[in-house]
Every structure is written in C-alpha cells, then in structure tokens.
Amino acid sequence: MSAFIIPRHKRFAVRHQVQLRNRLGRACGALLIELSLEACRVSTSQHDQLEPDMPVTIEISGFGDIHGRVFSANDRVLVIRFAAPINSAALHELVWKPADGPEPILQLPSFGVSLASAR
C-alpha cells in the first residue's frame, strides 16, 4: 500500500473567491491564488486593511474557515500563514475543486490504450 504525501513547501496554483475577516470582524473580498499545507497567497484590492502579523480568517464557501496571520502584505498580494497546517485531504479538495461548479471530470488523452487493458 502506498501513501501520497504532499511536502509542506509544495505550492499549488488555485483560483477561489474568498472572504478575509480581520480580528475586528471586517471582511473584504479576495482571490485565493496559491495554496500549500501551511500558507496561502491571496490577491485583494483592499490590502491596506490588513498588516503583517495581523490575525485573519479566510472564509471559503463550501469549505469552512482557516485561521492564520498575515505574513507579508505588498502590491495587492498577501501571504497568510495558517495557525495550523491544513491536512492533505483538505488541500486536495481545494486544489481540485473548481471555483464555481461541480467536481471536475478528469479527462485523459486516449492513446489507443484503455486503462483496463494497461494493467
């Protein structure tokens, strides 16, 4: 039996609309653009409301909240380190779940060999 282990530093490009909520409860819209087990990168035009080391909650529709702190804020992009690493299953769900819509159907190119006959 093999296990799929994602390295802590492995980053994935994603595209999810999220809400960022600061400790005062103020929310602003953002776009989650990069994700790893321990941190993420978000793009927002309201970055001036969030400063480095400020606690923040990332609200992802259909997924739940992730708590963390702003690690850096510059040029409309925030790096947020999570309070606790997310698990591999959660990362997989966020990476492979489309931004809006149903679960994607993975379509592999057909090279004249079916998966059943490739065993």
Protein backbone atom coordinates (compact mmCIF):
# COMPACT_ATOMS: atom_id res chain seq x y z
CA MET A 1 0.00 0.00 0.00
CA SER A 2 1.42 3.36 -0.95
CA ALA A 3 0.65 6.72 0.60
CA PHE A 4 0.56 10.04 -1.20
CA ILE A 5 2.45 12.59 0.87
CA ILE A 6 2.48 16.25 -0.08
CA PRO A 7 5.62 18.12 1.01
CA ARG A 8 4.96 21.10 3.30
CA HIS A 9 6.53 23.55 0.89
CA LYS A 10 4.73 22.32 -2.26
CA ARG A 11 2.56 25.13 -3.59
CA PHE A 12 -0.42 24.84 -5.92
CA ALA A 13 -1.98 27.46 -8.16
CA VAL A 14 -5.69 27.78 -7.38
CA ARG A 15 -8.48 30.23 -8.07
CA HIS A 16 -11.16 30.61 -5.41
CA GLN A 17 -13.13 33.65 -4.32
CA VAL A 18 -12.75 34.01 -0.54
CA GLN A 19 -13.54 36.47 2.22
CA LEU A 20 -10.83 37.70 4.57
CA ARG A 21 -12.02 38.72 8.02
CA ASN A 22 -9.75 40.59 10.43
CA ARG A 23 -9.91 40.46 14.24
CA LEU A 24 -12.44 43.32 14.27
CA GLY A 25 -14.80 41.31 12.07
CA ARG A 26 -14.33 43.48 8.98
CA ALA A 27 -14.44 41.45 5.79
CA CYS A 28 -13.04 42.07 2.35
CA GLY A 29 -13.21 40.04 -0.82
CA ALA A 30 -10.10 38.34 -2.13
CA LEU A 31 -8.93 35.78 -4.65
CA LEU A 32 -7.04 32.76 -3.34
CA ILE A 33 -4.27 32.29 -5.91
CA GLU A 34 -1.74 29.95 -4.31
CA LEU A 35 -2.05 27.29 -1.63
CA SER A 36 0.17 24.96 0.39
CA LEU A 37 -0.30 22.96 3.59
CA GLU A 38 0.97 25.83 5.76
CA ALA A 39 0.20 29.06 3.90
CA CYS A 40 -1.54 30.73 1.02
CA ARG A 41 -1.27 33.76 -1.20
CA VAL A 42 -4.31 35.92 -1.86
CA SER A 43 -4.88 38.90 -4.12
CA THR A 44 -7.06 41.74 -2.87
CA SER A 45 -7.56 45.40 -3.71
CA GLN A 46 -8.25 46.12 -0.02
CA HIS A 47 -4.84 45.02 1.23
CA ASP A 48 -4.38 48.26 3.19
CA GLN A 49 -6.82 46.95 5.85
CA LEU A 50 -4.51 44.05 6.68
CA GLU A 51 -0.99 44.42 8.04
CA PRO A 52 1.78 41.88 8.72
CA ASP A 53 1.26 39.81 11.87
CA MET A 54 -2.47 40.64 11.95
CA PRO A 55 -4.74 37.66 12.70
CA VAL A 56 -7.08 36.86 9.83
CA THR A 57 -9.73 34.29 8.99
CA ILE A 58 -10.08 33.01 5.43
CA GLU A 59 -13.69 32.09 4.67
CA ILE A 60 -14.08 29.69 1.75
CA SER A 61 -17.60 28.96 0.55
CA GLY A 62 -18.44 25.28 0.91
CA PHE A 63 -15.23 24.55 2.76
CA GLY A 64 -15.08 26.38 6.06
CA ASP A 65 -12.76 28.81 7.80
CA ILE A 66 -8.97 28.75 8.01
CA HIS A 67 -7.31 30.85 10.70
CA GLY A 68 -3.91 32.41 10.25
CA ARG A 69 -1.77 35.54 10.34
CA VAL A 70 -0.68 37.89 7.60
CA PHE A 71 2.97 37.11 6.94
CA SER A 72 3.56 39.80 4.32
CA ALA A 73 1.49 42.37 2.51
CA ASN A 74 2.69 44.12 -0.62
CA ASP A 75 1.43 45.16 -4.02
CA ARG A 76 -2.13 43.80 -3.59
CA VAL A 77 -0.88 40.35 -2.59
CA LEU A 78 -0.99 38.95 0.93
CA VAL A 79 0.85 35.90 2.19
CA ILE A 80 -1.05 34.27 5.05
CA ARG A 81 0.47 31.57 7.25
CA PHE A 82 -2.07 29.22 8.77
CA ALA A 83 -2.36 28.85 12.55
CA ALA A 84 -2.21 25.08 11.99
CA PRO A 85 -1.38 23.25 8.75
CA ILE A 86 -4.37 22.04 6.79
CA ASN A 87 -4.45 18.30 6.14
CA SER A 88 -3.64 16.71 2.79
CA ALA A 89 -7.28 15.80 2.11
CA ALA A 90 -8.38 19.42 2.58
CA LEU A 91 -5.57 20.64 0.33
CA HIS A 92 -6.55 18.10 -2.33
CA GLU A 93 -10.18 19.22 -2.17
CA LEU A 94 -9.27 22.89 -2.58
CA VAL A 95 -6.79 22.27 -5.39
CA TRP A 96 -9.06 20.02 -7.45
CA LYS A 97 -12.41 21.63 -6.68
CA PRO A 98 -13.38 24.12 -9.37
CA ALA A 99 -14.01 27.69 -8.25
CA ASP A 100 -17.70 27.51 -9.17
CA GLY A 101 -19.47 24.37 -10.20
CA PRO A 102 -19.37 20.60 -9.81
CA GLU A 103 -16.37 18.38 -9.26
CA PRO A 104 -14.22 18.30 -12.42
CA ILE A 105 -14.13 15.21 -14.58
CA LEU A 106 -10.55 14.27 -15.28
CA GLN A 107 -10.18 13.59 -18.98
CA LEU A 108 -7.04 11.79 -20.02
CA PRO A 109 -5.92 11.72 -23.63
CA SER A 110 -6.60 8.42 -25.34
CA PHE A 111 -3.51 6.86 -26.83
CA GLY A 112 -5.33 3.79 -28.10
CA VAL A 113 -4.92 2.02 -24.76
CA SER A 114 -7.71 1.72 -22.24
CA LEU A 115 -6.90 1.87 -18.55
CA ALA A 116 -8.37 -1.63 -18.10
CA SER A 117 -6.02 -3.16 -20.68
CA ALA A 118 -2.97 -1.28 -19.37
CA ARG A 119 -2.72 -3.44 -16.23
